[in-house]
């Protein structure tokens, strides 16, 4: 929603918007993975 600025329906997206959406989801997942790998005791923080 921050990137697209307006509410874009998932079914009415163009191919370019769909690729951006996939890239955003991949980057968010990779960032979460990197934080989990490099932050010591990440599981304790998430459990708390």
ModelCIF file with pLDDT and N, C-alpha, C, O atoms, coordinates in Angstrom:
data_MODEL
#
_entry.id   MODEL 
#
_entity.id                         1 
_entity.type                       polymer 
_entity.pdbx_number_of_molecules   1 
#
_entity_poly.entity_id                      1 
_entity_poly.type                           'polypeptide(L)' 
_entity_poly.nstd_linkage                   no 
_entity_poly.nstd_monomer                   no 
_entity_poly.pdbx_seq_one_letter_code       
;(UNK)(UNK)(UNK)(UNK)(UNK)(UNK)(UNK)(UNK)(UNK)(UNK)(UNK)(UNK)(UNK)(UNK)(UNK)(UNK)
(UNK)(UNK)(UNK)(UNK)(UNK)(UNK)(UNK)(UNK)(UNK)(UNK)(UNK)(UNK)(UNK)(UNK)(UNK)(UNK)
(UNK)(UNK)(UNK)(UNK)(UNK)(UNK)(UNK)(UNK)(UNK)(UNK)(UNK)(UNK)(UNK)(UNK)(UNK)(UNK)
;
_entity_poly.pdbx_seq_one_letter_code_can   XXXXXXXXXXXXXXXXXXXXXXXXXXXXXXXXXXXXXXXXXXXXXXXX 
_entity_poly.pdbx_strand_id                 A 
#
loop_
_entity_poly_seq.entity_id 
_entity_poly_seq.num 
_entity_poly_seq.mon_id 
_entity_poly_seq.hetero 
1 1  UNK n 
1 2  UNK n 
1 3  UNK n 
1 4  UNK n 
1 5  UNK n 
1 6  UNK n 
1 7  UNK n 
1 8  UNK n 
1 9  UNK n 
1 10 UNK n 
1 11 UNK n 
1 12 UNK n 
1 13 UNK n 
1 14 UNK n 
1 15 UNK n 
1 16 UNK n 
1 17 UNK n 
1 18 UNK n 
1 19 UNK n 
1 20 UNK n 
1 21 UNK n 
1 22 UNK n 
1 23 UNK n 
1 24 UNK n 
1 25 UNK n 
1 26 UNK n 
1 27 UNK n 
1 28 UNK n 
1 29 UNK n 
1 30 UNK n 
1 31 UNK n 
1 32 UNK n 
1 33 UNK n 
1 34 UNK n 
1 35 UNK n 
1 36 UNK n 
1 37 UNK n 
1 38 UNK n 
1 39 UNK n 
1 40 UNK n 
1 41 UNK n 
1 42 UNK n 
1 43 UNK n 
1 44 UNK n 
1 45 UNK n 
1 46 UNK n 
1 47 UNK n 
1 48 UNK n 
#
_struct_asym.id          A 
_struct_asym.entity_id   1 
#
loop_
_ma_qa_metric.id 
_ma_qa_metric.mode 
_ma_qa_metric.name 
_ma_qa_metric.software_group_id 
_ma_qa_metric.type 
1 global pLDDT . pLDDT 
2 local  pLDDT . pLDDT 
#
_ma_qa_metric_global.metric_id      1 
_ma_qa_metric_global.metric_value   82.50 
_ma_qa_metric_global.model_id       1 
_ma_qa_metric_global.ordinal_id     1 
#
loop_
_ma_qa_metric_local.label_asym_id 
_ma_qa_metric_local.label_comp_id 
_ma_qa_metric_local.label_seq_id 
_ma_qa_metric_local.metric_id 
_ma_qa_metric_local.metric_value 
_ma_qa_metric_local.model_id 
_ma_qa_metric_local.ordinal_id 
A UNK 1  2 85.00 1 1  
A UNK 2  2 87.00 1 2  
A UNK 3  2 86.00 1 3  
A UNK 4  2 83.00 1 4  
A UNK 5  2 78.00 1 5  
A UNK 6  2 69.00 1 6  
A UNK 7  2 63.00 1 7  
A UNK 8  2 61.00 1 8  
A UNK 9  2 65.00 1 9  
A UNK 10 2 62.00 1 10 
A UNK 11 2 67.00 1 11 
A UNK 12 2 68.00 1 12 
A UNK 13 2 72.00 1 13 
A UNK 14 2 81.00 1 14 
A UNK 15 2 83.00 1 15 
A UNK 16 2 83.00 1 16 
A UNK 17 2 82.00 1 17 
A UNK 18 2 85.00 1 18 
A UNK 19 2 90.00 1 19 
A UNK 20 2 87.00 1 20 
A UNK 21 2 87.00 1 21 
A UNK 22 2 90.00 1 22 
A UNK 23 2 93.00 1 23 
A UNK 24 2 91.00 1 24 
A UNK 25 2 91.00 1 25 
A UNK 26 2 92.00 1 26 
A UNK 27 2 93.00 1 27 
A UNK 28 2 91.00 1 28 
A UNK 29 2 89.00 1 29 
A UNK 30 2 92.00 1 30 
A UNK 31 2 91.00 1 31 
A UNK 32 2 85.00 1 32 
A UNK 33 2 86.00 1 33 
A UNK 34 2 89.00 1 34 
A UNK 35 2 86.00 1 35 
A UNK 36 2 82.00 1 36 
A UNK 37 2 86.00 1 37 
A UNK 38 2 88.00 1 38 
A UNK 39 2 83.00 1 39 
A UNK 40 2 81.00 1 40 
A UNK 41 2 83.00 1 41 
A UNK 42 2 78.00 1 42 
A UNK 43 2 80.00 1 43 
A UNK 44 2 85.00 1 44 
A UNK 45 2 82.00 1 45 
A UNK 46 2 79.00 1 46 
A UNK 47 2 83.00 1 47 
A UNK 48 2 87.00 1 48 
#
loop_
_atom_site.group_PDB 
_atom_site.id 
_atom_site.type_symbol 
_atom_site.label_atom_id 
_atom_site.label_alt_id 
_atom_site.label_comp_id 
_atom_site.label_asym_id 
_atom_site.label_entity_id 
_atom_site.label_seq_id 
_atom_site.pdbx_PDB_ins_code 
_atom_site.Cartn_x 
_atom_site.Cartn_y 
_atom_site.Cartn_z 
_atom_site.occupancy 
_atom_site.B_iso_or_equiv 
_atom_site.pdbx_formal_charge 
_atom_site.auth_seq_id 
_atom_site.auth_comp_id 
_atom_site.auth_asym_id 
_atom_site.auth_atom_id 
_atom_site.pdbx_PDB_model_num 
ATOM 1   N N  . UNK A 1 1  ? 0.829  -1.207  0.000   1.00 85.00 ? 1  UNK A N  1 
ATOM 2   C CA . UNK A 1 1  ? 0.000  0.000   0.000   1.00 85.00 ? 1  UNK A CA 1 
ATOM 3   C C  . UNK A 1 1  ? 0.862  1.255   0.000   1.00 85.00 ? 1  UNK A C  1 
ATOM 4   O O  . UNK A 1 1  ? 0.459  2.276   -0.557  1.00 85.00 ? 1  UNK A O  1 
ATOM 5   N N  . UNK A 1 2  ? 2.039  1.199   0.613   1.00 87.00 ? 2  UNK A N  1 
ATOM 6   C CA . UNK A 1 2  ? 2.958  2.333   0.583   1.00 87.00 ? 2  UNK A CA 1 
ATOM 7   C C  . UNK A 1 2  ? 3.540  2.528   -0.813  1.00 87.00 ? 2  UNK A C  1 
ATOM 8   O O  . UNK A 1 2  ? 3.704  3.660   -1.268  1.00 87.00 ? 2  UNK A O  1 
ATOM 9   N N  . UNK A 1 3  ? 3.849  1.431   -1.489  1.00 86.00 ? 3  UNK A N  1 
ATOM 10  C CA . UNK A 1 3  ? 4.457  1.515   -2.821  1.00 86.00 ? 3  UNK A CA 1 
ATOM 11  C C  . UNK A 1 3  ? 3.430  1.929   -3.875  1.00 86.00 ? 3  UNK A C  1 
ATOM 12  O O  . UNK A 1 3  ? 3.724  2.780   -4.715  1.00 86.00 ? 3  UNK A O  1 
ATOM 13  N N  . UNK A 1 4  ? 2.240  1.346   -3.843  1.00 83.00 ? 4  UNK A N  1 
ATOM 14  C CA . UNK A 1 4  ? 1.247  1.612   -4.880  1.00 83.00 ? 4  UNK A CA 1 
ATOM 15  C C  . UNK A 1 4  ? 0.423  2.872   -4.618  1.00 83.00 ? 4  UNK A C  1 
ATOM 16  O O  . UNK A 1 4  ? -0.238 3.366   -5.531  1.00 83.00 ? 4  UNK A O  1 
ATOM 17  N N  . UNK A 1 5  ? 0.445  3.393   -3.423  1.00 78.00 ? 5  UNK A N  1 
ATOM 18  C CA . UNK A 1 5  ? -0.235 4.633   -3.018  1.00 78.00 ? 5  UNK A CA 1 
ATOM 19  C C  . UNK A 1 5  ? -1.754 4.546   -3.045  1.00 78.00 ? 5  UNK A C  1 
ATOM 20  O O  . UNK A 1 5  ? -2.398 5.188   -2.216  1.00 78.00 ? 5  UNK A O  1 
ATOM 21  N N  . UNK A 1 6  ? -2.343 3.811   -3.926  1.00 69.00 ? 6  UNK A N  1 
ATOM 22  C CA . UNK A 1 6  ? -3.792 3.663   -3.961  1.00 69.00 ? 6  UNK A CA 1 
ATOM 23  C C  . UNK A 1 6  ? -4.128 2.188   -3.826  1.00 69.00 ? 6  UNK A C  1 
ATOM 24  O O  . UNK A 1 6  ? -3.299 1.325   -4.113  1.00 69.00 ? 6  UNK A O  1 
ATOM 25  N N  . UNK A 1 7  ? -5.317 1.910   -3.401  1.00 63.00 ? 7  UNK A N  1 
ATOM 26  C CA . UNK A 1 7  ? -5.721 0.521   -3.242  1.00 63.00 ? 7  UNK A CA 1 
ATOM 27  C C  . UNK A 1 7  ? -5.844 -0.165  -4.587  1.00 63.00 ? 7  UNK A C  1 
ATOM 28  O O  . UNK A 1 7  ? -6.697 0.194   -5.399  1.00 63.00 ? 7  UNK A O  1 
ATOM 29  N N  . UNK A 1 8  ? -5.013 -1.130  -4.818  1.00 61.00 ? 8  UNK A N  1 
ATOM 30  C CA . UNK A 1 8  ? -5.047 -1.872  -6.076  1.00 61.00 ? 8  UNK A CA 1 
ATOM 31  C C  . UNK A 1 8  ? -5.629 -3.243  -5.792  1.00 61.00 ? 8  UNK A C  1 
ATOM 32  O O  . UNK A 1 8  ? -5.144 -3.968  -4.923  1.00 61.00 ? 8  UNK A O  1 
ATOM 33  N N  . UNK A 1 9  ? -6.670 -3.591  -6.528  1.00 65.00 ? 9  UNK A N  1 
ATOM 34  C CA . UNK A 1 9  ? -7.288 -4.896  -6.377  1.00 65.00 ? 9  UNK A CA 1 
ATOM 35  C C  . UNK A 1 9  ? -6.340 -5.963  -6.922  1.00 65.00 ? 9  UNK A C  1 
ATOM 36  O O  . UNK A 1 9  ? -5.763 -5.801  -7.997  1.00 65.00 ? 9  UNK A O  1 
ATOM 37  N N  . UNK A 1 10 ? -6.188 -7.041  -6.181  1.00 62.00 ? 10 UNK A N  1 
ATOM 38  C CA . UNK A 1 10 ? -5.259 -8.095  -6.594  1.00 62.00 ? 10 UNK A CA 1 
ATOM 39  C C  . UNK A 1 10 ? -5.676 -8.733  -7.916  1.00 62.00 ? 10 UNK A C  1 
ATOM 40  O O  . UNK A 1 10 ? -4.829 -9.240  -8.650  1.00 62.00 ? 10 UNK A O  1 
ATOM 41  N N  . UNK A 1 11 ? -6.973 -8.712  -8.226  1.00 67.00 ? 11 UNK A N  1 
ATOM 42  C CA . UNK A 1 11 ? -7.439 -9.334  -9.462  1.00 67.00 ? 11 UNK A CA 1 
ATOM 43  C C  . UNK A 1 11 ? -7.331 -8.381  -10.657 1.00 67.00 ? 11 UNK A C  1 
ATOM 44  O O  . UNK A 1 11 ? -7.351 -8.827  -11.804 1.00 67.00 ? 11 UNK A O  1 
ATOM 45  N N  . UNK A 1 12 ? -7.218 -7.077  -10.399 1.00 68.00 ? 12 UNK A N  1 
ATOM 46  C CA . UNK A 1 12 ? -7.160 -6.105  -11.484 1.00 68.00 ? 12 UNK A CA 1 
ATOM 47  C C  . UNK A 1 12 ? -5.752 -5.559  -11.701 1.00 68.00 ? 12 UNK A C  1 
ATOM 48  O O  . UNK A 1 12 ? -5.593 -4.496  -12.300 1.00 68.00 ? 12 UNK A O  1 
ATOM 49  N N  . UNK A 1 13 ? -4.747 -6.254  -11.233 1.00 72.00 ? 13 UNK A N  1 
ATOM 50  C CA . UNK A 1 13 ? -3.370 -5.778  -11.365 1.00 72.00 ? 13 UNK A CA 1 
ATOM 51  C C  . UNK A 1 13 ? -2.829 -6.065  -12.763 1.00 72.00 ? 13 UNK A C  1 
ATOM 52  O O  . UNK A 1 13 ? -3.168 -7.064  -13.397 1.00 72.00 ? 13 UNK A O  1 
ATOM 53  N N  . UNK A 1 14 ? -1.982 -5.158  -13.212 1.00 81.00 ? 14 UNK A N  1 
ATOM 54  C CA . UNK A 1 14 ? -1.294 -5.403  -14.473 1.00 81.00 ? 14 UNK A CA 1 
ATOM 55  C C  . UNK A 1 14 ? -0.124 -6.357  -14.216 1.00 81.00 ? 14 UNK A C  1 
ATOM 56  O O  . UNK A 1 14 ? 0.185  -6.678  -13.068 1.00 81.00 ? 14 UNK A O  1 
ATOM 57  N N  . UNK A 1 15 ? 0.506  -6.796  -15.272 1.00 83.00 ? 15 UNK A N  1 
ATOM 58  C CA . UNK A 1 15 ? 1.632  -7.721  -15.127 1.00 83.00 ? 15 UNK A CA 1 
ATOM 59  C C  . UNK A 1 15 ? 2.792  -7.051  -14.393 1.00 83.00 ? 15 UNK A C  1 
ATOM 60  O O  . UNK A 1 15 ? 3.482  -7.691  -13.599 1.00 83.00 ? 15 UNK A O  1 
ATOM 61  N N  . UNK A 1 16 ? 3.007  -5.756  -14.660 1.00 83.00 ? 16 UNK A N  1 
ATOM 62  C CA . UNK A 1 16 ? 4.091  -5.020  -13.997 1.00 83.00 ? 16 UNK A CA 1 
ATOM 63  C C  . UNK A 1 16 ? 3.822  -4.893  -12.501 1.00 83.00 ? 16 UNK A C  1 
ATOM 64  O O  . UNK A 1 16 ? 4.723  -5.101  -11.688 1.00 83.00 ? 16 UNK A O  1 
ATOM 65  N N  . UNK A 1 17 ? 2.592  -4.554  -12.134 1.00 82.00 ? 17 UNK A N  1 
ATOM 66  C CA . UNK A 1 17 ? 2.236  -4.439  -10.717 1.00 82.00 ? 17 UNK A CA 1 
ATOM 67  C C  . UNK A 1 17 ? 2.339  -5.787  -10.016 1.00 82.00 ? 17 UNK A C  1 
ATOM 68  O O  . UNK A 1 17 ? 2.744  -5.864  -8.856  1.00 82.00 ? 17 UNK A O  1 
ATOM 69  N N  . UNK A 1 18 ? 1.974  -6.840  -10.720 1.00 85.00 ? 18 UNK A N  1 
ATOM 70  C CA . UNK A 1 18 ? 2.066  -8.171  -10.136 1.00 85.00 ? 18 UNK A CA 1 
ATOM 71  C C  . UNK A 1 18 ? 3.524  -8.559  -9.885  1.00 85.00 ? 18 UNK A C  1 
ATOM 72  O O  . UNK A 1 18 ? 3.832  -9.170  -8.862  1.00 85.00 ? 18 UNK A O  1 
ATOM 73  N N  . UNK A 1 19 ? 4.418  -8.212  -10.806 1.00 90.00 ? 19 UNK A N  1 
ATOM 74  C CA . UNK A 1 19 ? 5.841  -8.499  -10.609 1.00 90.00 ? 19 UNK A CA 1 
ATOM 75  C C  . UNK A 1 19 ? 6.413  -7.681  -9.451  1.00 90.00 ? 19 UNK A C  1 
ATOM 76  O O  . UNK A 1 19 ? 7.240  -8.182  -8.689  1.00 90.00 ? 19 UNK A O  1 
ATOM 77  N N  . UNK A 1 20 ? 5.980  -6.427  -9.314  1.00 87.00 ? 20 UNK A N  1 
ATOM 78  C CA . UNK A 1 20 ? 6.417  -5.601  -8.185  1.00 87.00 ? 20 UNK A CA 1 
ATOM 79  C C  . UNK A 1 20 ? 5.920  -6.203  -6.880  1.00 87.00 ? 20 UNK A C  1 
ATOM 80  O O  . UNK A 1 20 ? 6.643  -6.226  -5.885  1.00 87.00 ? 20 UNK A O  1 
ATOM 81  N N  . UNK A 1 21 ? 4.695  -6.686  -6.887  1.00 87.00 ? 21 UNK A N  1 
ATOM 82  C CA . UNK A 1 21 ? 4.118  -7.317  -5.696  1.00 87.00 ? 21 UNK A CA 1 
ATOM 83  C C  . UNK A 1 21 ? 4.915  -8.558  -5.292  1.00 87.00 ? 21 UNK A C  1 
ATOM 84  O O  . UNK A 1 21 ? 5.190  -8.763  -4.110  1.00 87.00 ? 21 UNK A O  1 
ATOM 85  N N  . UNK A 1 22 ? 5.277  -9.368  -6.253  1.00 90.00 ? 22 UNK A N  1 
ATOM 86  C CA . UNK A 1 22 ? 6.079  -10.560 -5.971  1.00 90.00 ? 22 UNK A CA 1 
ATOM 87  C C  . UNK A 1 22 ? 7.452  -10.172 -5.446  1.00 90.00 ? 22 UNK A C  1 
ATOM 88  O O  . UNK A 1 22 ? 7.968  -10.809 -4.528  1.00 90.00 ? 22 UNK A O  1 
ATOM 89  N N  . UNK A 1 23 ? 8.048  -9.130  -6.023  1.00 93.00 ? 23 UNK A N  1 
ATOM 90  C CA . UNK A 1 23 ? 9.359  -8.668  -5.564  1.00 93.00 ? 23 UNK A CA 1 
ATOM 91  C C  . UNK A 1 23 ? 9.294  -8.132  -4.141  1.00 93.00 ? 23 UNK A C  1 
ATOM 92  O O  . UNK A 1 23 ? 10.199 -8.380  -3.344  1.00 93.00 ? 23 UNK A O  1 
ATOM 93  N N  . UNK A 1 24 ? 8.236  -7.401  -3.813  1.00 91.00 ? 24 UNK A N  1 
ATOM 94  C CA . UNK A 1 24 ? 8.072  -6.879  -2.449  1.00 91.00 ? 24 UNK A CA 1 
ATOM 95  C C  . UNK A 1 24 ? 7.964  -8.018  -1.455  1.00 91.00 ? 24 UNK A C  1 
ATOM 96  O O  . UNK A 1 24 ? 8.620  -8.000  -0.414  1.00 91.00 ? 24 UNK A O  1 
ATOM 97  N N  . UNK A 1 25 ? 7.155  -8.996  -1.763  1.00 91.00 ? 25 UNK A N  1 
ATOM 98  C CA . UNK A 1 25 ? 6.976  -10.124 -0.848  1.00 91.00 ? 25 UNK A CA 1 
ATOM 99  C C  . UNK A 1 25 ? 8.270  -10.927 -0.690  1.00 91.00 ? 25 UNK A C  1 
ATOM 100 O O  . UNK A 1 25 ? 8.561  -11.431 0.394   1.00 91.00 ? 25 UNK A O  1 
ATOM 101 N N  . UNK A 1 26 ? 9.037  -11.045 -1.762  1.00 92.00 ? 26 UNK A N  1 
ATOM 102 C CA . UNK A 1 26 ? 10.308 -11.753 -1.676  1.00 92.00 ? 26 UNK A CA 1 
ATOM 103 C C  . UNK A 1 26 ? 11.304 -10.984 -0.825  1.00 92.00 ? 26 UNK A C  1 
ATOM 104 O O  . UNK A 1 26 ? 11.995 -11.572 0.007   1.00 92.00 ? 26 UNK A O  1 
ATOM 105 N N  . UNK A 1 27 ? 11.382 -9.671  -1.026  1.00 93.00 ? 27 UNK A N  1 
ATOM 106 C CA . UNK A 1 27 ? 12.317 -8.845  -0.247  1.00 93.00 ? 27 UNK A CA 1 
ATOM 107 C C  . UNK A 1 27 ? 11.952 -8.854  1.231   1.00 93.00 ? 27 UNK A C  1 
ATOM 108 O O  . UNK A 1 27 ? 12.838 -8.947  2.081   1.00 93.00 ? 27 UNK A O  1 
ATOM 109 N N  . UNK A 1 28 ? 10.666 -8.759  1.554   1.00 91.00 ? 28 UNK A N  1 
ATOM 110 C CA . UNK A 1 28 ? 10.241 -8.799  2.959   1.00 91.00 ? 28 UNK A CA 1 
ATOM 111 C C  . UNK A 1 28 ? 10.619 -10.141 3.584   1.00 91.00 ? 28 UNK A C  1 
ATOM 112 O O  . UNK A 1 28 ? 11.113 -10.178 4.710   1.00 91.00 ? 28 UNK A O  1 
ATOM 113 N N  . UNK A 1 29 ? 10.395 -11.224 2.877   1.00 89.00 ? 29 UNK A N  1 
ATOM 114 C CA . UNK A 1 29 ? 10.742 -12.544 3.404   1.00 89.00 ? 29 UNK A CA 1 
ATOM 115 C C  . UNK A 1 29 ? 12.240 -12.699 3.601   1.00 89.00 ? 29 UNK A C  1 
ATOM 116 O O  . UNK A 1 29 ? 12.680 -13.259 4.605   1.00 89.00 ? 29 UNK A O  1 
ATOM 117 N N  . UNK A 1 30 ? 13.027 -12.209 2.653   1.00 92.00 ? 30 UNK A N  1 
ATOM 118 C CA . UNK A 1 30 ? 14.485 -12.289 2.779   1.00 92.00 ? 30 UNK A CA 1 
ATOM 119 C C  . UNK A 1 30 ? 14.974 -11.439 3.951   1.00 92.00 ? 30 UNK A C  1 
ATOM 120 O O  . UNK A 1 30 ? 15.873 -11.851 4.683   1.00 92.00 ? 30 UNK A O  1 
ATOM 121 N N  . UNK A 1 31 ? 14.385 -10.253 4.130   1.00 91.00 ? 31 UNK A N  1 
ATOM 122 C CA . UNK A 1 31 ? 14.772 -9.402  5.262   1.00 91.00 ? 31 UNK A CA 1 
ATOM 123 C C  . UNK A 1 31 ? 14.465 -10.081 6.595   1.00 91.00 ? 31 UNK A C  1 
ATOM 124 O O  . UNK A 1 31 ? 15.278 -10.036 7.518   1.00 91.00 ? 31 UNK A O  1 
ATOM 125 N N  . UNK A 1 32 ? 13.312 -10.701 6.695   1.00 85.00 ? 32 UNK A N  1 
ATOM 126 C CA . UNK A 1 32 ? 12.964 -11.417 7.928   1.00 85.00 ? 32 UNK A CA 1 
ATOM 127 C C  . UNK A 1 32 ? 13.918 -12.581 8.147   1.00 85.00 ? 32 UNK A C  1 
ATOM 128 O O  . UNK A 1 32 ? 14.339 -12.840 9.275   1.00 85.00 ? 32 UNK A O  1 
ATOM 129 N N  . UNK A 1 33 ? 14.257 -13.278 7.080   1.00 86.00 ? 33 UNK A N  1 
ATOM 130 C CA . UNK A 1 33 ? 15.208 -14.383 7.184   1.00 86.00 ? 33 UNK A CA 1 
ATOM 131 C C  . UNK A 1 33 ? 16.571 -13.894 7.654   1.00 86.00 ? 33 UNK A C  1 
ATOM 132 O O  . UNK A 1 33 ? 17.188 -14.521 8.515   1.00 86.00 ? 33 UNK A O  1 
ATOM 133 N N  . UNK A 1 34 ? 17.051 -12.778 7.097   1.00 89.00 ? 34 UNK A N  1 
ATOM 134 C CA . UNK A 1 34 ? 18.358 -12.246 7.499   1.00 89.00 ? 34 UNK A CA 1 
ATOM 135 C C  . UNK A 1 34 ? 18.367 -11.781 8.947   1.00 89.00 ? 34 UNK A C  1 
ATOM 136 O O  . UNK A 1 34 ? 19.348 -11.996 9.659   1.00 89.00 ? 34 UNK A O  1 
ATOM 137 N N  . UNK A 1 35 ? 17.294 -11.151 9.388   1.00 86.00 ? 35 UNK A N  1 
ATOM 138 C CA . UNK A 1 35 ? 17.215 -10.750 10.797  1.00 86.00 ? 35 UNK A CA 1 
ATOM 139 C C  . UNK A 1 35 ? 17.244 -11.983 11.690  1.00 86.00 ? 35 UNK A C  1 
ATOM 140 O O  . UNK A 1 35 ? 17.919 -11.990 12.720  1.00 86.00 ? 35 UNK A O  1 
ATOM 141 N N  . UNK A 1 36 ? 16.522 -13.016 11.306  1.00 82.00 ? 36 UNK A N  1 
ATOM 142 C CA . UNK A 1 36 ? 16.507 -14.243 12.105  1.00 82.00 ? 36 UNK A CA 1 
ATOM 143 C C  . UNK A 1 36 ? 17.871 -14.926 12.130  1.00 82.00 ? 36 UNK A C  1 
ATOM 144 O O  . UNK A 1 36 ? 18.238 -15.548 13.127  1.00 82.00 ? 36 UNK A O  1 
ATOM 145 N N  . UNK A 1 37 ? 18.621 -14.812 11.039  1.00 86.00 ? 37 UNK A N  1 
ATOM 146 C CA . UNK A 1 37 ? 19.935 -15.457 10.988  1.00 86.00 ? 37 UNK A CA 1 
ATOM 147 C C  . UNK A 1 37 ? 20.992 -14.699 11.788  1.00 86.00 ? 37 UNK A C  1 
ATOM 148 O O  . UNK A 1 37 ? 21.816 -15.319 12.459  1.00 86.00 ? 37 UNK A O  1 
ATOM 149 N N  . UNK A 1 38 ? 20.979 -13.376 11.726  1.00 88.00 ? 38 UNK A N  1 
ATOM 150 C CA . UNK A 1 38 ? 22.059 -12.591 12.307  1.00 88.00 ? 38 UNK A CA 1 
ATOM 151 C C  . UNK A 1 38 ? 21.753 -12.000 13.679  1.00 88.00 ? 38 UNK A C  1 
ATOM 152 O O  . UNK A 1 38 ? 22.667 -11.541 14.363  1.00 88.00 ? 38 UNK A O  1 
ATOM 153 N N  . UNK A 1 39 ? 20.503 -12.001 14.091  1.00 83.00 ? 39 UNK A N  1 
ATOM 154 C CA . UNK A 1 39 ? 20.158 -11.473 15.402  1.00 83.00 ? 39 UNK A CA 1 
ATOM 155 C C  . UNK A 1 39 ? 20.168 -12.613 16.412  1.00 83.00 ? 39 UNK A C  1 
ATOM 156 O O  . UNK A 1 39 ? 19.367 -13.541 16.294  1.00 83.00 ? 39 UNK A O  1 
ATOM 157 N N  . UNK A 1 40 ? 21.059 -12.565 17.404  1.00 81.00 ? 40 UNK A N  1 
ATOM 158 C CA . UNK A 1 40 ? 21.117 -13.677 18.361  1.00 81.00 ? 40 UNK A CA 1 
ATOM 159 C C  . UNK A 1 40 ? 19.842 -13.724 19.216  1.00 81.00 ? 40 UNK A C  1 
ATOM 160 O O  . UNK A 1 40 ? 19.297 -12.690 19.603  1.00 81.00 ? 40 UNK A O  1 
ATOM 161 N N  . UNK A 1 41 ? 19.395 -14.917 19.493  1.00 83.00 ? 41 UNK A N  1 
ATOM 162 C CA . UNK A 1 41 ? 18.195 -15.163 20.313  1.00 83.00 ? 41 UNK A CA 1 
ATOM 163 C C  . UNK A 1 41 ? 16.941 -14.546 19.711  1.00 83.00 ? 41 UNK A C  1 
ATOM 164 O O  . UNK A 1 41 ? 16.070 -14.075 20.443  1.00 83.00 ? 41 UNK A O  1 
ATOM 165 N N  . UNK A 1 42 ? 16.844 -14.544 18.404  1.00 78.00 ? 42 UNK A N  1 
ATOM 166 C CA . UNK A 1 42 ? 15.662 -13.988 17.731  1.00 78.00 ? 42 UNK A CA 1 
ATOM 167 C C  . UNK A 1 42 ? 14.409 -14.761 18.131  1.00 78.00 ? 42 UNK A C  1 
ATOM 168 O O  . UNK A 1 42 ? 13.333 -14.177 18.259  1.00 78.00 ? 42 UNK A O  1 
ATOM 169 N N  . UNK A 1 43 ? 14.544 -16.061 18.327  1.00 80.00 ? 43 UNK A N  1 
ATOM 170 C CA . UNK A 1 43 ? 13.373 -16.858 18.707  1.00 80.00 ? 43 UNK A CA 1 
ATOM 171 C C  . UNK A 1 43 ? 12.862 -16.487 20.091  1.00 80.00 ? 43 UNK A C  1 
ATOM 172 O O  . UNK A 1 43 ? 11.663 -16.587 20.354  1.00 80.00 ? 43 UNK A O  1 
ATOM 173 N N  . UNK A 1 44 ? 13.753 -16.062 20.976  1.00 85.00 ? 44 UNK A N  1 
ATOM 174 C CA . UNK A 1 44 ? 13.319 -15.628 22.309  1.00 85.00 ? 44 UNK A CA 1 
ATOM 175 C C  . UNK A 1 44 ? 12.527 -14.325 22.230  1.00 85.00 ? 44 UNK A C  1 
ATOM 176 O O  . UNK A 1 44 ? 11.538 -14.148 22.941  1.00 85.00 ? 44 UNK A O  1 
ATOM 177 N N  . UNK A 1 45 ? 12.966 -13.424 21.369  1.00 82.00 ? 45 UNK A N  1 
ATOM 178 C CA . UNK A 1 45 ? 12.253 -12.154 21.201  1.00 82.00 ? 45 UNK A CA 1 
ATOM 179 C C  . UNK A 1 45 ? 10.876 -12.397 20.602  1.00 82.00 ? 45 UNK A C  1 
ATOM 180 O O  . UNK A 1 45 ? 9.889  -11.830 21.071  1.00 82.00 ? 45 UNK A O  1 
ATOM 181 N N  . UNK A 1 46 ? 10.797 -13.229 19.579  1.00 79.00 ? 46 UNK A N  1 
ATOM 182 C CA . UNK A 1 46 ? 9.505  -13.498 18.962  1.00 79.00 ? 46 UNK A CA 1 
ATOM 183 C C  . UNK A 1 46 ? 8.591  -14.268 19.909  1.00 79.00 ? 46 UNK A C  1 
ATOM 184 O O  . UNK A 1 46 ? 7.379  -14.051 19.900  1.00 79.00 ? 46 UNK A O  1 
ATOM 185 N N  . UNK A 1 47 ? 9.143  -15.162 20.723  1.00 83.00 ? 47 UNK A N  1 
ATOM 186 C CA . UNK A 1 47 ? 8.323  -15.876 21.702  1.00 83.00 ? 47 UNK A CA 1 
ATOM 187 C C  . UNK A 1 47 ? 7.780  -14.912 22.751  1.00 83.00 ? 47 UNK A C  1 
ATOM 188 O O  . UNK A 1 47 ? 6.622  -15.022 23.153  1.00 83.00 ? 47 UNK A O  1 
ATOM 189 N N  . UNK A 1 48 ? 8.610  -13.966 23.198  1.00 87.00 ? 48 UNK A N  1 
ATOM 190 C CA . UNK A 1 48 ? 8.154  -12.971 24.172  1.00 87.00 ? 48 UNK A CA 1 
ATOM 191 C C  . UNK A 1 48 ? 7.059  -12.086 23.578  1.00 87.00 ? 48 UNK A C  1 
ATOM 192 O O  . UNK A 1 48 ? 6.554  -11.190 24.256  1.00 87.00 ? 48 UNK A O  1 
#
